[in-house]
């Protein structure tokens, strides 16, 4: 009866779909799911690479502290409503779908010891009422059996908007702003940790979280996000929409 009154609608349109939290087949096929060749470290597409595994110039010149990052989707005009619907609209019905996309891109999640979401400052949590990264980590935990530790990291100061900031400014903005929670240190020490977030833009937040986890004794840190910026135009669009990534 509920399905008759409130039929399931696509996450990307108002079209009816068979199951809640899904999208219609044509839009599913149109999504830019990131596949190789990718940078072995940050996961950015390398379409001109002659080999399936290579390292991009940025990671060669400045090796990131995390072991590798992968994202399910390119952040573009089509995936943008999915991300913003979760981040700002609190649309939880797509979490199972998002977890599938992320696991397809990052099968190494299944081999991790812990899933740790990127934290938000308590003031933002009080305003928004949820942490979308924690929701994604919980969805991955349900699919994989890998435990999620939602309060392992703490954002010790409100870092303000990342909107309009360049690479250097974004990294400086979050430097030292993320720390390990004292009660989580023993859980993290010696473990392989996968960080979870919604979008990877410059990697500033992921790097700050990685630094805190390694300082707490984590054996290795990897990362997975629902989407990532891959072109300058998309970076500008994300910076216009985002306030904390």
C-alpha atoms as a PDB file:
ATOM      1  CA  UNK A   1       0.000   0.000   0.000  1.00  0.00           C
ATOM      2  CA  UNK A   2       2.835   2.397   0.839  1.00  0.00           C
ATOM      3  CA  UNK A   3       4.464   1.671  -2.535  1.00  0.00           C
ATOM      4  CA  UNK A   4       1.215   2.578  -4.256  1.00  0.00           C
ATOM      5  CA  UNK A   5       0.871   5.848  -2.357  1.00  0.00           C
ATOM      6  CA  UNK A   6       4.567   6.804  -2.333  1.00  0.00           C
ATOM      7  CA  UNK A   7       6.213   4.974  -5.258  1.00  0.00           C
ATOM      8  CA  UNK A   8      10.007   4.814  -5.238  1.00  0.00           C
ATOM      9  CA  UNK A   9      11.583   7.642  -7.221  1.00  0.00           C
ATOM     10  CA  UNK A  10      14.981   7.812  -8.882  1.00  0.00           C
ATOM     11  CA  UNK A  11      17.807   9.467  -6.960  1.00  0.00           C
ATOM     12  CA  UNK A  12      18.479  11.567 -10.072  1.00  0.00           C
ATOM     13  CA  UNK A  13      15.014  12.356 -11.369  1.00  0.00           C
ATOM     14  CA  UNK A  14      11.355  12.127 -10.495  1.00  0.00           C
ATOM     15  CA  UNK A  15      10.967   8.942 -12.498  1.00  0.00           C
ATOM     16  CA  UNK A  16       9.558   5.870 -10.726  1.00  0.00           C
ATOM     17  CA  UNK A  17      11.992   3.002 -10.139  1.00  0.00           C
ATOM     18  CA  UNK A  18      11.549  -0.545  -8.949  1.00  0.00           C
ATOM     19  CA  UNK A  19      13.516  -0.150  -5.719  1.00  0.00           C
ATOM     20  CA  UNK A  20      14.141   2.822  -3.420  1.00  0.00           C
ATOM     21  CA  UNK A  21      17.613   4.319  -3.581  1.00  0.00           C
ATOM     22  CA  UNK A  22      18.304   3.486  -7.218  1.00  0.00           C
ATOM     23  CA  UNK A  23      18.308   5.281 -10.562  1.00  0.00           C
ATOM     24  CA  UNK A  24      16.884   4.402 -13.952  1.00  0.00           C
ATOM     25  CA  UNK A  25      18.993   2.311 -16.331  1.00  0.00           C
ATOM     26  CA  UNK A  26      19.880   5.067 -18.869  1.00  0.00           C
ATOM     27  CA  UNK A  27      21.246   7.334 -16.126  1.00  0.00           C
ATOM     28  CA  UNK A  28      23.073   4.417 -14.500  1.00  0.00           C
ATOM     29  CA  UNK A  29      24.828   3.761 -17.799  1.00  0.00           C
ATOM     30  CA  UNK A  30      25.643   7.461 -18.194  1.00  0.00           C
ATOM     31  CA  UNK A  31      27.388   7.783 -14.820  1.00  0.00           C
ATOM     32  CA  UNK A  32      31.151   8.241 -15.142  1.00  0.00           C
ATOM     33  CA  UNK A  33      32.383   5.352 -12.992  1.00  0.00           C
ATOM     34  CA  UNK A  34      36.127   5.771 -12.608  1.00  0.00           C
ATOM     35  CA  UNK A  35      38.118   2.913 -14.060  1.00  0.00           C
ATOM     36  CA  UNK A  36      41.706   2.406 -15.177  1.00  0.00           C
ATOM     37  CA  UNK A  37      44.175   3.539 -15.993  1.00  0.00           C
ATOM     38  CA  UNK A  38      44.275   5.463 -12.726  1.00  0.00           C
ATOM     39  CA  UNK A  39      47.060   6.953 -10.648  1.00  0.00           C
ATOM     40  CA  UNK A  40      48.157   4.234  -8.241  1.00  0.00           C
ATOM     41  CA  UNK A  41      48.168   6.731  -5.376  1.00  0.00           C
ATOM     42  CA  UNK A  42      45.430   9.385  -5.679  1.00  0.00           C
ATOM     43  CA  UNK A  43      43.230   7.525  -8.166  1.00  0.00           C
ATOM     44  CA  UNK A  44      42.885  10.311 -10.725  1.00  0.00           C
ATOM     45  CA  UNK A  45      42.191   9.011 -14.255  1.00  0.00           C
ATOM     46  CA  UNK A  46      45.220   8.827 -16.545  1.00  0.00           C
ATOM     47  CA  UNK A  47      43.562   8.303 -19.947  1.00  0.00           C
ATOM     48  CA  UNK A  48      46.799   8.762 -21.876  1.00  0.00           C
ATOM     49  CA  UNK A  49      48.819   6.302 -19.821  1.00  0.00           C
ATOM     50  CA  UNK A  50      50.201   3.420 -21.916  1.00  0.00           C
ATOM     51  CA  UNK A  51      50.116   1.094 -18.890  1.00  0.00           C
ATOM     52  CA  UNK A  52      47.224   0.192 -16.559  1.00  0.00           C
ATOM     53  CA  UNK A  53      49.144   1.251 -13.431  1.00  0.00           C
ATOM     54  CA  UNK A  54      51.064   4.509 -13.284  1.00  0.00           C
ATOM     55  CA  UNK A  55      51.610   7.428 -10.907  1.00  0.00           C
ATOM     56  CA  UNK A  56      50.493  10.937 -11.800  1.00  0.00           C
ATOM     57  CA  UNK A  57      52.951  13.835 -11.868  1.00  0.00           C
ATOM     58  CA  UNK A  58      51.492  15.450  -8.756  1.00  0.00           C
ATOM     59  CA  UNK A  59      51.979  12.299  -6.656  1.00  0.00           C
ATOM     60  CA  UNK A  60      55.475  11.784  -8.064  1.00  0.00           C
ATOM     61  CA  UNK A  61      56.483  15.301  -7.046  1.00  0.00           C
ATOM     62  CA  UNK A  62      54.785  15.134  -3.654  1.00  0.00           C
ATOM     63  CA  UNK A  63      53.931  11.668  -2.407  1.00  0.00           C
ATOM     64  CA  UNK A  64      50.700  11.733  -0.366  1.00  0.00           C
ATOM     65  CA  UNK A  65      50.790  10.154   3.114  1.00  0.00           C
ATOM     66  CA  UNK A  66      47.948   7.723   2.370  1.00  0.00           C
ATOM     67  CA  UNK A  67      48.716   4.506   0.489  1.00  0.00           C
ATOM     68  CA  UNK A  68      45.997   4.893  -2.146  1.00  0.00           C
ATOM     69  CA  UNK A  69      42.647   6.525  -2.792  1.00  0.00           C
ATOM     70  CA  UNK A  70      39.812   5.426  -5.053  1.00  0.00           C
ATOM     71  CA  UNK A  71      36.420   6.966  -5.855  1.00  0.00           C
ATOM     72  CA  UNK A  72      33.295   5.443  -7.287  1.00  0.00           C
ATOM     73  CA  UNK A  73      32.333   8.319  -9.582  1.00  0.00           C
ATOM     74  CA  UNK A  74      33.723  11.375 -11.276  1.00  0.00           C
ATOM     75  CA  UNK A  75      32.188  14.484  -9.759  1.00  0.00           C
ATOM     76  CA  UNK A  76      30.370  16.011 -12.731  1.00  0.00           C
ATOM     77  CA  UNK A  77      27.003  17.449 -13.700  1.00  0.00           C
ATOM     78  CA  UNK A  78      25.301  14.052 -13.542  1.00  0.00           C
ATOM     79  CA  UNK A  79      26.720  12.822 -10.220  1.00  0.00           C
ATOM     80  CA  UNK A  80      26.484  16.221  -8.551  1.00  0.00           C
ATOM     81  CA  UNK A  81      22.815  15.822  -7.426  1.00  0.00           C
ATOM     82  CA  UNK A  82      23.670  12.437  -5.882  1.00  0.00           C
ATOM     83  CA  UNK A  83      26.435  13.962  -3.784  1.00  0.00           C
ATOM     84  CA  UNK A  84      24.573  17.101  -2.800  1.00  0.00           C
ATOM     85  CA  UNK A  85      21.380  15.188  -2.070  1.00  0.00           C
ATOM     86  CA  UNK A  86      23.335  13.176   0.486  1.00  0.00           C
ATOM     87  CA  UNK A  87      25.500  16.000   1.819  1.00  0.00           C
ATOM     88  CA  UNK A  88      22.920  18.761   2.120  1.00  0.00           C
ATOM     89  CA  UNK A  89      19.611  16.955   1.720  1.00  0.00           C
ATOM     90  CA  UNK A  90      20.252  14.014   4.027  1.00  0.00           C
ATOM     91  CA  UNK A  91      18.941  11.516   1.459  1.00  0.00           C
ATOM     92  CA  UNK A  92      19.873   8.189   3.048  1.00  0.00           C
ATOM     93  CA  UNK A  93      17.944   5.927   0.702  1.00  0.00           C
ATOM     94  CA  UNK A  94      20.847   5.807  -1.751  1.00  0.00           C
ATOM     95  CA  UNK A  95      23.456   4.584   0.754  1.00  0.00           C
ATOM     96  CA  UNK A  96      23.332   0.958  -0.377  1.00  0.00           C
ATOM     97  CA  UNK A  97      23.759   2.052  -3.991  1.00  0.00           C
ATOM     98  CA  UNK A  98      26.654   4.333  -3.036  1.00  0.00           C
ATOM     99  CA  UNK A  99      28.360   1.541  -1.084  1.00  0.00           C
ATOM    100  CA  UNK A 100      28.195  -0.685  -4.172  1.00  0.00           C
ATOM    101  CA  UNK A 101      29.834   2.012  -6.310  1.00  0.00           C
ATOM    102  CA  UNK A 102      32.569   2.568  -3.740  1.00  0.00           C
ATOM    103  CA  UNK A 103      33.324  -1.130  -3.288  1.00  0.00           C
ATOM    104  CA  UNK A 104      33.508  -1.647  -7.053  1.00  0.00           C
ATOM    105  CA  UNK A 105      36.138   1.090  -7.196  1.00  0.00           C
ATOM    106  CA  UNK A 106      37.980   0.111  -4.000  1.00  0.00           C
ATOM    107  CA  UNK A 107      37.824  -3.645  -3.326  1.00  0.00           C
ATOM    108  CA  UNK A 108      40.671  -3.171  -0.838  1.00  0.00           C
ATOM    109  CA  UNK A 109      38.046  -1.896   1.617  1.00  0.00           C
ATOM    110  CA  UNK A 110      37.140  -5.536   2.333  1.00  0.00           C
ATOM    111  CA  UNK A 111      40.692  -6.208   3.569  1.00  0.00           C
ATOM    112  CA  UNK A 112      40.847  -3.278   6.006  1.00  0.00           C
ATOM    113  CA  UNK A 113      40.777  -3.562   9.772  1.00  0.00           C
ATOM    114  CA  UNK A 114      38.759  -0.391  10.378  1.00  0.00           C
ATOM    115  CA  UNK A 115      36.629   2.133   8.514  1.00  0.00           C
ATOM    116  CA  UNK A 116      36.985   5.702   9.773  1.00  0.00           C
ATOM    117  CA  UNK A 117      34.820   8.542   8.426  1.00  0.00           C
ATOM    118  CA  UNK A 118      36.212  12.016   7.929  1.00  0.00           C
ATOM    119  CA  UNK A 119      34.903  14.045  10.899  1.00  0.00           C
ATOM    120  CA  UNK A 120      32.927  17.264  10.929  1.00  0.00           C
ATOM    121  CA  UNK A 121      33.233  19.929  13.598  1.00  0.00           C
ATOM    122  CA  UNK A 122      30.637  19.723  16.360  1.00  0.00           C
ATOM    123  CA  UNK A 123      29.128  23.049  15.327  1.00  0.00           C
ATOM    124  CA  UNK A 124      28.427  21.743  11.825  1.00  0.00           C
ATOM    125  CA  UNK A 125      27.105  18.489  13.243  1.00  0.00           C
ATOM    126  CA  UNK A 126      24.733  20.451  15.460  1.00  0.00           C
ATOM    127  CA  UNK A 127      23.550  22.532  12.507  1.00  0.00           C
ATOM    128  CA  UNK A 128      23.234  19.767   9.919  1.00  0.00           C
ATOM    129  CA  UNK A 129      22.326  16.942  12.269  1.00  0.00           C
ATOM    130  CA  UNK A 130      24.447  14.267  10.605  1.00  0.00           C
ATOM    131  CA  UNK A 131      27.834  13.437   9.128  1.00  0.00           C
ATOM    132  CA  UNK A 132      27.381  12.071   5.616  1.00  0.00           C
ATOM    133  CA  UNK A 133      30.838  10.449   5.734  1.00  0.00           C
ATOM    134  CA  UNK A 134      29.773   8.448   8.798  1.00  0.00           C
ATOM    135  CA  UNK A 135      26.656   7.294   6.931  1.00  0.00           C
ATOM    136  CA  UNK A 136      28.808   6.095   4.034  1.00  0.00           C
ATOM    137  CA  UNK A 137      31.176   4.285   6.415  1.00  0.00           C
ATOM    138  CA  UNK A 138      28.225   2.544   8.068  1.00  0.00           C
ATOM    139  CA  UNK A 139      26.898   1.450   4.673  1.00  0.00           C
ATOM    140  CA  UNK A 140      30.302   0.012   3.767  1.00  0.00           C
ATOM    141  CA  UNK A 141      30.518  -1.725   7.142  1.00  0.00           C
ATOM    142  CA  UNK A 142      27.173  -3.417   6.550  1.00  0.00           C
ATOM    143  CA  UNK A 143      28.346  -4.684   3.156  1.00  0.00           C
ATOM    144  CA  UNK A 144      31.800  -5.857   4.212  1.00  0.00           C
ATOM    145  CA  UNK A 145      31.687  -6.700   7.902  1.00  0.00           C
ATOM    146  CA  UNK A 146      34.637  -4.351   8.482  1.00  0.00           C
ATOM    147  CA  UNK A 147      33.887  -2.360  11.666  1.00  0.00           C
ATOM    148  CA  UNK A 148      33.303   1.364  11.441  1.00  0.00           C
ATOM    149  CA  UNK A 149      34.714   3.640  14.129  1.00  0.00           C
ATOM    150  CA  UNK A 150      32.737   6.868  13.645  1.00  0.00           C
ATOM    151  CA  UNK A 151      34.358   8.843  16.458  1.00  0.00           C
ATOM    152  CA  UNK A 152      37.993   7.867  15.881  1.00  0.00           C
ATOM    153  CA  UNK A 153      38.880  11.317  14.536  1.00  0.00           C
ATOM    154  CA  UNK A 154      37.919  14.714  15.903  1.00  0.00           C
ATOM    155  CA  UNK A 155      37.914  18.038  14.094  1.00  0.00           C
ATOM    156  CA  UNK A 156      39.318  20.264  16.836  1.00  0.00           C
ATOM    157  CA  UNK A 157      38.466  23.586  15.222  1.00  0.00           C
ATOM    158  CA  UNK A 158      35.958  24.842  12.713  1.00  0.00           C
ATOM    159  CA  UNK A 159      38.074  25.221   9.602  1.00  0.00           C
ATOM    160  CA  UNK A 160      35.629  27.426   7.741  1.00  0.00           C
ATOM    161  CA  UNK A 161      34.721  27.205   4.113  1.00  0.00           C
ATOM    162  CA  UNK A 162      37.090  25.665   1.586  1.00  0.00           C
ATOM    163  CA  UNK A 163      35.116  27.498  -1.095  1.00  0.00           C
ATOM    164  CA  UNK A 164      37.367  29.261  -3.579  1.00  0.00           C
ATOM    165  CA  UNK A 165      40.602  28.123  -1.943  1.00  0.00           C
ATOM    166  CA  UNK A 166      43.474  26.789  -4.003  1.00  0.00           C
ATOM    167  CA  UNK A 167      45.560  23.692  -3.237  1.00  0.00           C
ATOM    168  CA  UNK A 168      47.964  25.387  -0.810  1.00  0.00           C
ATOM    169  CA  UNK A 169      45.222  27.296   0.990  1.00  0.00           C
ATOM    170  CA  UNK A 170      43.034  24.210   1.403  1.00  0.00           C
ATOM    171  CA  UNK A 171      45.893  22.245   2.931  1.00  0.00           C
ATOM    172  CA  UNK A 172      46.839  25.104   5.249  1.00  0.00           C
ATOM    173  CA  UNK A 173      43.193  25.485   6.298  1.00  0.00           C
ATOM    174  CA  UNK A 174      42.943  21.937   7.683  1.00  0.00           C
ATOM    175  CA  UNK A 175      46.525  21.529   8.889  1.00  0.00           C
ATOM    176  CA  UNK A 176      46.456  20.439  12.539  1.00  0.00           C
ATOM    177  CA  UNK A 177      42.660  20.659  12.693  1.00  0.00           C
ATOM    178  CA  UNK A 178      42.083  16.898  12.870  1.00  0.00           C
ATOM    179  CA  UNK A 179      43.281  14.695  15.715  1.00  0.00           C
ATOM    180  CA  UNK A 180      42.794  11.174  16.979  1.00  0.00           C
ATOM    181  CA  UNK A 181      40.289  10.760  19.803  1.00  0.00           C
ATOM    182  CA  UNK A 182      42.213   9.458  22.858  1.00  0.00           C
ATOM    183  CA  UNK A 183      39.767   6.580  23.369  1.00  0.00           C
ATOM    184  CA  UNK A 184      40.343   5.418  19.779  1.00  0.00           C
ATOM    185  CA  UNK A 185      44.138   5.342  19.808  1.00  0.00           C
ATOM    186  CA  UNK A 186      44.432   1.710  20.920  1.00  0.00           C
ATOM    187  CA  UNK A 187      41.869   0.641  18.315  1.00  0.00           C
ATOM    188  CA  UNK A 188      43.829   2.332  15.548  1.00  0.00           C
ATOM    189  CA  UNK A 189      47.397   1.328  16.507  1.00  0.00           C
ATOM    190  CA  UNK A 190      48.821  -1.323  14.202  1.00  0.00           C
ATOM    191  CA  UNK A 191      45.682  -1.432  12.017  1.00  0.00           C
ATOM    192  CA  UNK A 192      45.068  -0.824   8.339  1.00  0.00           C
ATOM    193  CA  UNK A 193      42.504   1.976   8.227  1.00  0.00           C
ATOM    194  CA  UNK A 194      40.327   3.076   5.319  1.00  0.00           C
ATOM    195  CA  UNK A 195      39.157   6.685   5.470  1.00  0.00           C
ATOM    196  CA  UNK A 196      35.674   7.346   4.082  1.00  0.00           C
ATOM    197  CA  UNK A 197      34.317  10.625   2.705  1.00  0.00           C
ATOM    198  CA  UNK A 198      31.843  11.881   0.131  1.00  0.00           C
ATOM    199  CA  UNK A 199      34.105  13.819  -2.267  1.00  0.00           C
ATOM    200  CA  UNK A 200      37.833  14.067  -2.927  1.00  0.00           C
ATOM    201  CA  UNK A 201      38.732  17.519  -4.276  1.00  0.00           C
ATOM    202  CA  UNK A 202      42.406  18.318  -3.622  1.00  0.00           C
ATOM    203  CA  UNK A 203      42.911  15.637  -0.979  1.00  0.00           C
ATOM    204  CA  UNK A 204      43.646  18.193   1.763  1.00  0.00           C
ATOM    205  CA  UNK A 205      41.187  16.749   4.277  1.00  0.00           C
ATOM    206  CA  UNK A 206      42.124  13.137   3.519  1.00  0.00           C
ATOM    207  CA  UNK A 207      45.794  14.002   4.040  1.00  0.00           C
ATOM    208  CA  UNK A 208      45.107  15.742   7.360  1.00  0.00           C
ATOM    209  CA  UNK A 209      43.164  12.698   8.572  1.00  0.00           C
ATOM    210  CA  UNK A 210      45.897  10.343   7.360  1.00  0.00           C
ATOM    211  CA  UNK A 211      48.565  12.307   9.227  1.00  0.00           C
ATOM    212  CA  UNK A 212      46.560  12.041  12.465  1.00  0.00           C
ATOM    213  CA  UNK A 213      45.993   8.285  12.047  1.00  0.00           C
ATOM    214  CA  UNK A 214      49.647   7.551  11.257  1.00  0.00           C
ATOM    215  CA  UNK A 215      50.745   9.618  14.239  1.00  0.00           C
ATOM    216  CA  UNK A 216      48.448   7.420  16.358  1.00  0.00           C
ATOM    217  CA  UNK A 217      50.243   4.303  15.144  1.00  0.00           C
ATOM    218  CA  UNK A 218      48.082   3.107  12.246  1.00  0.00           C
ATOM    219  CA  UNK A 219      49.989   0.596  10.114  1.00  0.00           C
ATOM    220  CA  UNK A 220      48.642   2.044   6.852  1.00  0.00           C
ATOM    221  CA  UNK A 221      45.906   4.399   5.707  1.00  0.00           C
ATOM    222  CA  UNK A 222      43.890   4.143   2.505  1.00  0.00           C
ATOM    223  CA  UNK A 223      40.865   6.148   1.386  1.00  0.00           C
ATOM    224  CA  UNK A 224      37.643   5.767  -0.551  1.00  0.00           C
ATOM    225  CA  UNK A 225      35.124   8.420  -1.548  1.00  0.00           C
ATOM    226  CA  UNK A 226      31.851   8.389  -3.389  1.00  0.00           C
ATOM    227  CA  UNK A 227      33.143  10.842  -6.002  1.00  0.00           C
ATOM    228  CA  UNK A 228      36.211  12.843  -6.925  1.00  0.00           C
ATOM    229  CA  UNK A 229      36.932  15.960  -8.939  1.00  0.00           C
ATOM    230  CA  UNK A 230      38.826  15.103 -12.109  1.00  0.00           C
ATOM    231  CA  UNK A 231      38.775  18.319 -14.151  1.00  0.00           C
ATOM    232  CA  UNK A 232      39.170  22.010 -13.438  1.00  0.00           C
ATOM    233  CA  UNK A 233      35.596  22.850 -14.459  1.00  0.00           C
ATOM    234  CA  UNK A 234      34.283  20.288 -11.986  1.00  0.00           C
ATOM    235  CA  UNK A 235      36.594  21.650  -9.292  1.00  0.00           C
ATOM    236  CA  UNK A 236      35.037  25.103  -9.722  1.00  0.00           C
ATOM    237  CA  UNK A 237      31.513  23.642  -9.542  1.00  0.00           C
ATOM    238  CA  UNK A 238      32.310  21.660  -6.398  1.00  0.00           C
ATOM    239  CA  UNK A 239      33.926  24.648  -4.684  1.00  0.00           C
ATOM    240  CA  UNK A 240      30.765  26.634  -5.388  1.00  0.00           C
ATOM    241  CA  UNK A 241      28.612  23.959  -3.711  1.00  0.00           C
ATOM    242  CA  UNK A 242      30.899  22.763  -0.919  1.00  0.00           C
ATOM    243  CA  UNK A 243      31.560  24.401   2.408  1.00  0.00           C
ATOM    244  CA  UNK A 244      33.763  21.930   4.265  1.00  0.00           C
ATOM    245  CA  UNK A 245      35.510  19.469   1.910  1.00  0.00           C
END
